[in-house]
């Protein structure tokens, strides 16, 4: 659907932006989760009579780059990604290797983690269409960014999620808790004609949802601190989170929540709220 003269949204599990940059030309903000997303995007381009110049990936997670390979192969478009994320777009298997800590069992090599390879280039101001701006949004991933179009429509990628997602999951995935909170604070003060989060309904006022995400982070910190009242291993803490929220342990949830838990613990240690020590060949975490 067109939300402005230049911006067309393909809403779904991951909201995708198609931005018209000139007569018959357009660029894409993210490409969805797989080849089916790529086909849907190509149909939209054909229906609107647009030629795709480039894809701008906000970050390298599979649900944002999954349509890259299909579109690049068939349409010959260039792909740009921020800083360190570029390596993961080029070699998506790095994602699960990082999450798991080594080459992972076959069960983990699923499209929710590993997209098809595509040839991405580092994002720079020179690679952007006239009037489009990059907005650094780190925390959820290493170097995630958003984009502000010349019509003042802001794409926020995964720096926040919907109320429904917050209610369903104990912890939303993130890479760096402290930078994530800084990003949410930044988003709380933003103004725009329209905000487009990747996993929430587009809106004109983003502050209420950003504040809800911040409260969820604070609640999660308190939950972890409570679990650390007695010395506990990482596995014990992870089990406590799953049991307290009635979550079902799967391979995907184990690595996503487990990795995020480590991010929370790193932040709590740096602030002097939690300490770790070694005893009986175990690494234990304890509230201070």
Protein backbone atom coordinates (compact mmCIF):
# COMPACT_ATOMS: atom_id res chain seq x y z
CA UNK A 1 0.00 0.00 0.00
CA UNK A 2 1.13 3.54 -0.75
CA UNK A 3 1.51 5.62 2.43
CA UNK A 4 2.88 8.69 0.64
CA UNK A 5 3.73 9.84 -2.87
CA UNK A 6 7.04 7.98 -2.78
CA UNK A 7 6.71 5.21 -0.19
CA UNK A 8 5.00 1.85 -0.67
CA UNK A 9 4.78 -0.57 2.28
CA UNK A 10 4.64 -4.35 2.05
CA UNK A 11 3.42 -5.29 5.51
CA UNK A 12 3.82 -8.76 6.97
CA UNK A 13 6.00 -10.67 9.44
CA UNK A 14 8.72 -8.16 8.50
CA UNK A 15 7.54 -4.79 7.19
CA UNK A 16 9.35 -3.83 3.98
CA UNK A 17 9.66 -0.40 2.43
CA UNK A 18 9.71 0.38 -1.30
CA UNK A 19 10.81 3.97 -1.88
CA UNK A 20 10.44 5.63 -5.24
CA UNK A 21 13.58 7.64 -6.03
CA UNK A 22 12.82 8.92 -9.51
CA UNK A 23 10.76 8.28 -12.59
CA UNK A 24 10.30 4.52 -12.67
CA UNK A 25 13.10 3.90 -10.14
CA UNK A 26 12.93 2.61 -6.56
CA UNK A 27 15.00 1.25 -3.69
CA UNK A 28 14.06 -1.33 -1.10
CA UNK A 29 14.46 -1.22 2.67
CA UNK A 30 15.01 -4.86 3.69
CA UNK A 31 13.78 -7.85 1.70
CA UNK A 32 11.91 -10.14 4.08
CA UNK A 33 12.58 -13.70 5.10
CA UNK A 34 13.05 -15.85 2.00
CA UNK A 35 12.52 -16.27 -1.75
CA UNK A 36 8.74 -15.94 -1.33
CA UNK A 37 9.31 -12.43 0.00
CA UNK A 38 11.48 -11.73 -3.01
CA UNK A 39 8.72 -12.92 -5.36
CA UNK A 40 6.17 -10.75 -3.58
CA UNK A 41 8.46 -7.73 -3.91
CA UNK A 42 9.09 -8.40 -7.60
CA UNK A 43 5.32 -8.58 -8.22
CA UNK A 44 4.86 -5.26 -6.44
CA UNK A 45 7.60 -3.67 -8.53
CA UNK A 46 6.03 -4.95 -11.75
CA UNK A 47 2.55 -3.82 -10.70
CA UNK A 48 3.80 -0.32 -9.96
CA UNK A 49 6.05 -0.14 -13.03
CA UNK A 50 9.24 0.32 -10.98
CA UNK A 51 12.82 -0.80 -11.54
CA UNK A 52 14.75 -1.80 -8.42
CA UNK A 53 18.06 0.04 -8.09
CA UNK A 54 19.24 -1.22 -4.70
CA UNK A 55 18.35 -2.97 -1.46
CA UNK A 56 19.30 -1.31 1.83
CA UNK A 57 19.46 -3.85 4.64
CA UNK A 58 18.95 -2.43 8.12
CA UNK A 59 20.90 -5.37 9.55
CA UNK A 60 21.87 -8.92 8.71
CA UNK A 61 19.25 -11.09 10.43
CA UNK A 62 17.68 -13.63 8.10
CA UNK A 63 14.15 -12.20 8.25
CA UNK A 64 15.51 -8.94 6.79
CA UNK A 65 17.88 -10.28 4.13
CA UNK A 66 16.09 -13.47 3.05
CA UNK A 67 14.83 -12.00 -0.23
CA UNK A 68 18.20 -10.52 -1.20
CA UNK A 69 19.52 -13.43 -3.24
CA UNK A 70 16.30 -13.89 -5.23
CA UNK A 71 16.10 -10.21 -6.14
CA UNK A 72 19.79 -9.74 -6.84
CA UNK A 73 19.91 -12.81 -9.09
CA UNK A 74 16.85 -11.86 -11.12
CA UNK A 75 17.01 -8.06 -11.11
CA UNK A 76 20.73 -7.39 -10.78
CA UNK A 77 20.26 -4.85 -7.99
CA UNK A 78 23.03 -3.76 -5.65
CA UNK A 79 22.78 -4.47 -1.93
CA UNK A 80 24.10 -2.33 0.90
CA UNK A 81 24.43 -3.21 4.59
CA UNK A 82 25.96 -1.39 7.57
CA UNK A 83 29.55 -1.94 8.69
CA UNK A 84 30.11 -5.37 10.27
CA UNK A 85 26.68 -6.56 9.16
CA UNK A 86 27.98 -6.74 5.58
CA UNK A 87 30.05 -9.86 6.32
CA UNK A 88 26.96 -11.64 7.68
CA UNK A 89 24.91 -10.76 4.58
CA UNK A 90 27.66 -12.17 2.38
CA UNK A 91 28.09 -15.28 4.56
CA UNK A 92 24.83 -15.80 6.50
CA UNK A 93 26.09 -19.00 8.16
CA UNK A 94 28.21 -16.73 10.37
CA UNK A 95 25.01 -15.77 12.19
CA UNK A 96 24.30 -19.19 13.67
CA UNK A 97 28.03 -19.81 14.23
CA UNK A 98 28.10 -16.64 16.37
CA UNK A 99 24.92 -17.51 18.27
CA UNK A 100 25.87 -21.13 18.87
CA UNK A 101 29.57 -20.51 19.47
CA UNK A 102 30.84 -23.01 16.90
CA UNK A 103 29.58 -24.77 13.76
CA UNK A 104 26.06 -25.74 14.83
CA UNK A 105 24.17 -29.05 14.47
CA UNK A 106 22.06 -29.34 11.32
CA UNK A 107 18.85 -28.57 13.21
CA UNK A 108 20.07 -25.00 13.72
CA UNK A 109 20.78 -24.37 10.04
CA UNK A 110 17.23 -23.19 9.44
CA UNK A 111 16.05 -20.23 7.37
CA UNK A 112 15.15 -18.33 10.53
CA UNK A 113 18.90 -18.09 11.15
CA UNK A 114 20.58 -18.66 7.81
CA UNK A 115 19.49 -16.83 4.65
CA UNK A 116 20.91 -17.39 1.16
CA UNK A 117 24.15 -15.58 0.40
CA UNK A 118 24.05 -12.26 -1.45
CA UNK A 119 26.73 -9.83 -2.50
CA UNK A 120 26.45 -6.85 -0.19
CA UNK A 121 28.54 -3.70 -0.14
CA UNK A 122 29.25 -1.49 2.89
CA UNK A 123 26.62 1.20 3.39
CA UNK A 124 27.82 4.80 3.09
CA UNK A 125 26.21 8.21 2.66
CA UNK A 126 27.38 8.19 -0.96
CA UNK A 127 25.37 5.01 -1.65
CA UNK A 128 22.07 6.53 -0.50
CA UNK A 129 19.44 8.11 -2.75
CA UNK A 130 19.18 11.88 -2.54
CA UNK A 131 17.35 12.97 0.61
CA UNK A 132 17.56 9.63 2.44
CA UNK A 133 19.37 9.57 5.78
CA UNK A 134 20.85 6.75 7.86
CA UNK A 135 19.86 6.53 11.53
CA UNK A 136 22.23 4.44 13.72
CA UNK A 137 20.14 2.06 15.86
CA UNK A 138 22.64 -0.34 17.49
CA UNK A 139 21.82 -2.85 20.21
CA UNK A 140 19.51 -5.41 18.65
CA UNK A 141 22.41 -6.30 16.37
CA UNK A 142 25.97 -5.01 16.08
CA UNK A 143 25.48 -2.11 13.67
CA UNK A 144 21.78 -1.97 12.90
CA UNK A 145 20.49 1.19 11.23
CA UNK A 146 17.20 2.73 10.26
CA UNK A 147 16.39 5.13 7.47
CA UNK A 148 14.58 8.45 7.17
CA UNK A 149 13.21 9.17 3.70
CA UNK A 150 12.98 12.62 2.16
CA UNK A 151 9.24 12.51 2.92
CA UNK A 152 10.08 12.09 6.64
CA UNK A 153 9.07 8.44 6.91
CA UNK A 154 11.30 6.60 9.39
CA UNK A 155 12.07 2.88 9.15
CA UNK A 156 13.06 1.61 12.60
CA UNK A 157 14.09 -1.98 11.84
CA UNK A 158 14.10 -4.13 15.03
CA UNK A 159 14.88 -1.53 17.68
CA UNK A 160 11.44 -2.23 19.19
CA UNK A 161 8.70 -4.79 18.81
CA UNK A 162 4.91 -4.84 19.17
CA UNK A 163 2.93 -5.15 22.38
CA UNK A 164 1.83 -8.62 21.24
CA UNK A 165 5.43 -9.80 20.83
CA UNK A 166 6.41 -8.40 24.22
CA UNK A 167 3.50 -10.29 25.79
CA UNK A 168 4.35 -13.56 24.03
CA UNK A 169 8.09 -13.79 24.64
CA UNK A 170 10.05 -13.55 27.86
CA UNK A 171 13.00 -11.76 26.26
CA UNK A 172 13.29 -10.06 22.90
CA UNK A 173 16.58 -10.87 21.20
CA UNK A 174 19.37 -8.30 21.48
CA UNK A 175 23.13 -8.16 21.10
CA UNK A 176 24.18 -5.29 23.40
CA UNK A 177 21.77 -4.30 26.18
CA UNK A 178 23.30 -0.94 27.01
CA UNK A 179 23.38 0.25 23.39
CA UNK A 180 19.87 -1.12 22.93
CA UNK A 181 18.55 1.01 25.79
CA UNK A 182 20.34 4.07 24.41
CA UNK A 183 18.68 3.46 21.05
CA UNK A 184 15.23 3.17 22.65
CA UNK A 185 15.81 6.44 24.52
CA UNK A 186 16.78 8.05 21.23
CA UNK A 187 13.65 6.72 19.55
CA UNK A 188 11.47 8.08 22.38
CA UNK A 189 12.46 11.60 21.31
CA UNK A 190 11.97 11.14 17.55
CA UNK A 191 9.40 12.92 15.43
CA UNK A 192 8.36 11.83 11.94
CA UNK A 193 5.48 11.83 9.50
CA UNK A 194 5.25 8.06 9.92
CA UNK A 195 7.25 5.43 11.80
CA UNK A 196 7.62 1.93 10.33
CA UNK A 197 8.95 -0.65 12.82
CA UNK A 198 9.83 -3.96 11.21
CA UNK A 199 7.64 -5.96 13.59
CA UNK A 200 4.88 -3.61 14.68
CA UNK A 201 2.10 -1.59 13.09
CA UNK A 202 3.25 1.70 11.47
CA UNK A 203 2.29 4.72 13.54
CA UNK A 204 2.71 8.49 13.83
CA UNK A 205 3.69 8.50 17.53
CA UNK A 206 6.39 5.99 18.44
CA UNK A 207 7.03 7.10 22.01
CA UNK A 208 4.37 4.90 23.76
CA UNK A 209 5.69 1.72 22.14
CA UNK A 210 9.33 2.70 22.76
CA UNK A 211 8.53 3.31 26.44
CA UNK A 212 6.76 -0.06 26.66
CA UNK A 213 9.86 -1.74 25.23
CA UNK A 214 12.04 0.06 27.78
CA UNK A 215 9.77 -1.09 30.62
CA UNK A 216 9.99 -4.64 29.32
CA UNK A 217 13.80 -4.42 29.42
CA UNK A 218 13.68 -3.15 33.01
CA UNK A 219 11.31 -5.96 34.00
CA UNK A 220 13.64 -8.51 32.42
CA UNK A 221 16.62 -7.09 34.32
CA UNK A 222 14.70 -7.45 37.58
CA UNK A 223 13.72 -11.00 36.70
CA UNK A 224 17.37 -11.93 36.12
CA UNK A 225 18.47 -10.19 39.31
CA UNK A 226 15.85 -12.15 41.27
CA UNK A 227 17.12 -15.41 39.74
CA UNK A 228 20.65 -14.40 40.83
CA UNK A 229 19.75 -14.03 44.52
CA UNK A 230 21.47 -17.37 44.99
CA UNK A 231 24.56 -18.30 42.94
CA UNK A 232 23.37 -19.88 39.69
CA UNK A 233 24.88 -21.21 36.49
CA UNK A 234 23.91 -19.73 33.14
CA UNK A 235 21.89 -22.87 32.35
CA UNK A 236 19.97 -22.51 35.64
CA UNK A 237 19.19 -18.88 34.86
CA UNK A 238 18.06 -19.77 31.35
CA UNK A 239 15.81 -22.51 32.70
CA UNK A 240 14.39 -20.07 35.26
CA UNK A 241 13.43 -17.60 32.53
CA UNK A 242 11.69 -20.27 30.47
CA UNK A 243 9.81 -21.70 33.44
CA UNK A 244 8.74 -18.32 34.81
CA UNK A 245 7.14 -17.34 31.50
CA UNK A 246 5.83 -20.73 30.46
CA UNK A 247 7.97 -20.84 27.32
CA UNK A 248 8.66 -23.99 25.33
CA UNK A 249 12.35 -24.75 24.89
CA UNK A 250 13.36 -25.32 21.26
CA UNK A 251 16.70 -25.18 19.51
CA UNK A 252 15.90 -21.71 18.15
CA UNK A 253 14.69 -20.32 21.47
CA UNK A 254 17.64 -21.84 23.32
CA UNK A 255 20.21 -19.97 21.25
CA UNK A 256 18.23 -16.72 20.94
CA UNK A 257 17.22 -16.37 24.58
CA UNK A 258 20.53 -17.83 25.75
CA UNK A 259 22.56 -15.32 23.76
CA UNK A 260 20.36 -12.47 24.97
CA UNK A 261 20.70 -13.61 28.58
CA UNK A 262 24.48 -13.30 28.22
CA UNK A 263 24.00 -9.75 26.98
CA UNK A 264 21.94 -8.88 30.06
CA UNK A 265 24.49 -10.48 32.39
CA UNK A 266 27.36 -8.55 30.75
CA UNK A 267 25.49 -5.29 31.31
CA UNK A 268 24.61 -6.15 34.92
CA UNK A 269 28.23 -7.05 35.67
CA UNK A 270 29.50 -3.78 34.16
CA UNK A 271 27.11 -1.84 36.42
CA UNK A 272 28.16 -3.75 39.55
CA UNK A 273 24.74 -5.35 40.02
CA UNK A 274 25.92 -8.93 39.46
CA UNK A 275 29.23 -10.71 39.87
CA UNK A 276 30.50 -14.00 38.56
CA UNK A 277 32.92 -16.45 40.13
CA UNK A 278 34.15 -19.98 39.60
CA UNK A 279 33.48 -22.85 41.98
CA UNK A 280 33.53 -26.62 41.60
CA UNK A 281 34.33 -26.26 37.87
CA UNK A 282 31.26 -24.06 37.36
CA UNK A 283 30.82 -20.40 36.41
CA UNK A 284 28.29 -18.94 38.85
CA UNK A 285 26.39 -15.65 38.72
CA UNK A 286 25.28 -13.88 41.88
CA UNK A 287 23.46 -10.64 42.69
CA UNK A 288 25.58 -8.15 44.65
